[in-house]
Structures are given as structure tokens and as C-alpha cells.
Protein backbone atom coordinates (compact mmCIF):
# COMPACT_ATOMS: atom_id res chain seq x y z
CA MET A 1 24.94 79.73 -127.86
CA VAL A 2 22.90 81.72 -125.40
CA PHE A 3 21.79 80.08 -122.16
CA THR A 4 19.15 80.88 -119.54
CA ARG A 5 18.75 78.84 -116.49
CA ASP A 6 15.12 79.54 -116.39
CA ALA A 7 12.77 77.81 -118.90
CA ARG A 8 10.15 80.38 -118.34
CA ARG A 9 12.38 83.20 -119.70
CA ARG A 10 13.38 81.28 -122.75
CA GLU A 11 13.39 83.49 -125.64
CA ALA A 12 14.17 82.83 -129.33
CA GLY A 13 17.58 81.45 -129.82
CA GLU A 14 17.93 80.58 -126.44
CA PHE A 15 18.88 77.12 -124.74
CA VAL A 16 17.65 76.24 -121.23
CA LEU A 17 21.06 75.13 -119.63
CA THR A 18 19.27 72.38 -117.67
CA ASP A 19 18.00 70.81 -120.90
CA TRP A 20 21.33 71.18 -122.61
CA VAL A 21 23.38 69.46 -119.90
CA ARG A 22 20.75 66.60 -119.66
CA ASP A 23 20.95 66.24 -123.30
CA LEU A 24 24.58 66.17 -123.09
CA ALA A 25 24.53 63.44 -120.33
CA GLN A 26 21.97 61.31 -122.43
CA LEU A 27 24.02 61.66 -125.71
CA MET A 28 27.11 60.44 -123.90
CA ASN A 29 25.03 57.49 -122.33
CA MET A 30 25.84 58.68 -118.73
CA LEU A 31 22.46 59.64 -117.42
CA ASP A 32 21.21 57.87 -114.47
CA ASP A 33 18.45 59.80 -112.47
CA PRO A 34 17.06 58.65 -109.24
CA SER A 35 13.33 57.72 -109.34
CA LEU A 36 10.45 60.37 -108.37
CA VAL A 37 9.81 57.94 -105.15
CA GLN A 38 13.51 58.31 -103.98
CA ILE A 39 13.59 62.06 -104.83
CA LYS A 40 10.32 62.56 -102.93
CA ALA A 41 11.50 60.53 -99.94
CA ALA A 42 14.95 62.48 -99.71
CA VAL A 43 13.49 65.72 -100.07
CA GLU A 44 10.57 64.99 -97.33
CA ALA A 45 13.13 63.51 -95.14
CA HIS A 46 15.82 66.33 -95.41
CA LEU A 47 14.48 69.29 -96.88
CA PRO A 48 10.91 69.31 -95.44
CA GLY A 49 10.31 73.04 -96.18
CA LYS A 50 10.99 72.59 -99.91
CA PHE A 51 8.58 69.42 -99.82
CA ARG A 52 5.63 71.29 -98.36
CA LEU A 53 6.06 74.49 -100.31
CA LEU A 54 7.76 74.02 -103.83
CA PRO A 55 5.89 71.04 -105.28
CA ARG A 56 2.73 73.05 -106.26
CA TYR A 57 4.82 75.37 -108.40
CA LEU A 58 6.30 72.45 -110.42
CA PRO A 59 5.23 72.42 -114.06
CA ASN A 60 4.50 68.57 -113.49
CA PRO A 61 4.70 67.57 -110.01
CA ASP A 62 4.63 63.73 -111.38
CA SER A 63 7.95 64.36 -113.01
CA ALA A 64 11.15 63.25 -111.42
CA GLN A 65 13.08 65.77 -113.80
CA ASP A 66 10.90 68.63 -112.38
CA TRP A 67 11.71 67.47 -108.90
CA LEU A 68 15.35 67.32 -109.63
CA ASN A 69 15.40 70.60 -111.60
CA HIS A 70 13.10 72.99 -109.56
CA ILE A 71 13.50 71.56 -105.87
CA LEU A 72 16.95 70.12 -105.81
CA ASP A 73 18.52 72.37 -108.66
CA ILE A 74 20.18 69.38 -110.36
CA ALA A 75 20.12 69.05 -114.03
CA CYS A 76 20.67 65.23 -114.01
CA VAL A 77 22.40 62.60 -112.30
CA ILE A 78 25.16 60.82 -114.34
CA ARG A 79 26.93 57.50 -113.58
CA VAL A 80 30.87 57.46 -113.90
CA GLY A 81 32.64 54.14 -112.92
CA GLY A 82 30.67 53.25 -109.80
CA ASP A 83 29.87 56.67 -108.71
CA HIS A 84 26.66 58.56 -109.10
CA ILE A 85 27.35 62.49 -109.73
CA ALA A 86 24.65 65.28 -109.76
CA TRP A 87 25.32 67.76 -112.31
CA SER A 88 23.99 71.56 -111.98
CA ALA A 89 25.27 74.04 -114.43
CA THR A 90 25.56 77.83 -114.79
CA THR A 91 27.39 80.24 -116.91
CA ASN A 92 28.02 82.64 -114.11
CA GLU A 93 30.92 82.40 -111.92
CA ALA A 94 29.22 83.98 -108.82
CA GLU A 95 26.08 81.92 -109.30
CA ALA A 96 28.27 78.73 -109.30
CA GLU A 97 29.60 79.99 -105.98
CA ALA A 98 26.07 80.39 -104.43
CA LEU A 99 25.02 77.15 -105.60
CA LEU A 100 28.37 75.60 -104.11
CA ARG A 101 27.19 77.16 -100.56
CA ALA A 102 23.83 75.86 -100.83
CA PHE A 103 24.81 72.42 -101.92
CA THR A 104 27.43 72.00 -99.17
CA SER A 105 24.72 72.87 -96.50
CA GLU A 106 24.04 69.77 -94.13
CA PRO A 107 20.32 69.19 -95.20
CA TYR A 108 21.11 69.44 -98.79
CA THR A 109 24.35 67.00 -98.16
CA GLN A 110 21.93 64.58 -96.52
CA ALA A 111 19.33 64.60 -99.23
CA ARG A 112 22.05 64.12 -101.83
CA ARG A 113 23.47 61.28 -99.97
CA ALA A 114 19.92 59.69 -99.40
CA LEU A 115 19.53 59.60 -103.25
CA GLY A 116 22.93 57.60 -103.59
CA ILE A 117 24.93 60.68 -105.11
CA ARG A 118 28.40 60.60 -104.03
CA TYR A 119 29.34 64.07 -105.72
CA HIS A 120 27.82 67.18 -106.79
CA TRP A 121 29.38 68.99 -109.67
CA ILE A 122 28.37 72.65 -110.63
CA LEU A 123 29.52 72.73 -114.22
CA LEU A 124 30.77 76.46 -115.05
CA VAL A 125 29.98 76.23 -118.62
CA SER A 126 31.29 78.58 -121.20
CA PRO A 127 28.56 79.22 -124.28
CA GLN A 128 31.43 79.26 -126.77
CA PHE A 129 32.66 75.87 -126.05
CA GLY A 130 30.75 72.56 -125.86
CA ILE A 131 31.82 69.57 -123.59
CA LYS A 132 32.71 66.16 -124.72
CA ARG A 133 32.62 62.75 -123.04
CA ARG A 134 36.25 62.64 -122.87
CA ASP A 135 36.29 65.97 -120.89
CA ILE A 136 33.94 64.45 -118.30
CA VAL A 137 35.86 61.37 -117.78
CA GLU A 138 39.12 63.31 -117.77
CA ALA A 139 37.66 65.99 -114.99
CA TYR A 140 36.43 62.84 -113.01
CA SER A 141 39.73 61.27 -113.07
CA ASP A 142 41.40 64.58 -111.97
CA PHE A 143 38.64 65.17 -109.50
CA ILE A 144 39.14 61.76 -107.64
CA GLU A 145 43.07 61.96 -107.89
CA ALA A 146 42.91 65.31 -106.22
CA GLY A 147 40.64 63.87 -103.44
CA ALA A 148 38.22 66.73 -103.93
CA ASN A 149 35.30 67.66 -101.80
CA GLU A 150 31.92 65.98 -102.54
CA CYS A 151 30.64 69.33 -104.05
CA ALA A 152 32.88 71.15 -106.34
CA ILE A 153 32.74 73.69 -109.16
CA VAL A 154 34.05 72.07 -112.25
CA ARG A 155 35.28 73.95 -115.31
CA PRO A 156 35.27 71.12 -118.10
């Protein structure tokens, strides 16, 4: 499997990683994205620069999914137990570290909390291996037991 993070750069045989992760969450019946109204309110309140500048570049400004993907860099939000967990994904360790720094900033943390998202996982995905529901549930259990931070890089 070959992944790209940018749908505009998709070539034959490549999968857009955010689409793949979202499809996985949907197949596992764990998808629980916030509404467009909630997303816009959180971004406007906590990330006003992004709210003013980025929407004009969205493929569909009326799509909650486009706001999640392109403004918050979230592939999807899942529900495990009573917790909402944002998923972002990459196949690159350095990019995962850069995303972690961005996602732990105060404005981003406040926006995430305003959306009712308790945790944010950056899935470091290996193109050679898939992820199963069991892997996510086990990672969640390990994550909770370890008392991990709200944002973390997860290697399922």
C-alpha cells in the first residue's frame, strides 16, 4: 500500500491516508465526528487565525470532514468506551513528532476540548500492516492504564 497525506497529490495506486483511517473507523463502527457547527465554533474561539484564513481553501467549506481534515488535521473522531479520541495519521516518524508538538499547543488543546475530544492519537501507520479493531481497543486499554498524556503517538 502506498499512502499520501495530500489528496491533491494522489497518484494511481496511492491511498489518501486520512480517507483510509476514516474508512477503518467507519468499518469498525467507531466513527463519531463532531458537527460542522461545533467544529466552526471551536476553531473560531480557539484558533481564530485558522478560522479567518483557511476556510477559503477548503474543497467544500460546508463539510465537517473537510474542516476536520484541512483545518484541524484530524482524520476522524472515534468513540471508545465513554471517550472521544481524535485520530490523525502519518507514515513518517518526524512528521508524527511535528504533529504532536502542534497538537499539544494551548490553542489546539482548547479547541480539542471544546469539541469534547479527550484524547488525540497520532497513528504512526506502517503501510505493510493493517489495523484491526482489536488493535485499537488494546491500544486504548494500554493508553488508559499507562496514564498517558492527552496527545500521543500511537504505534498500533
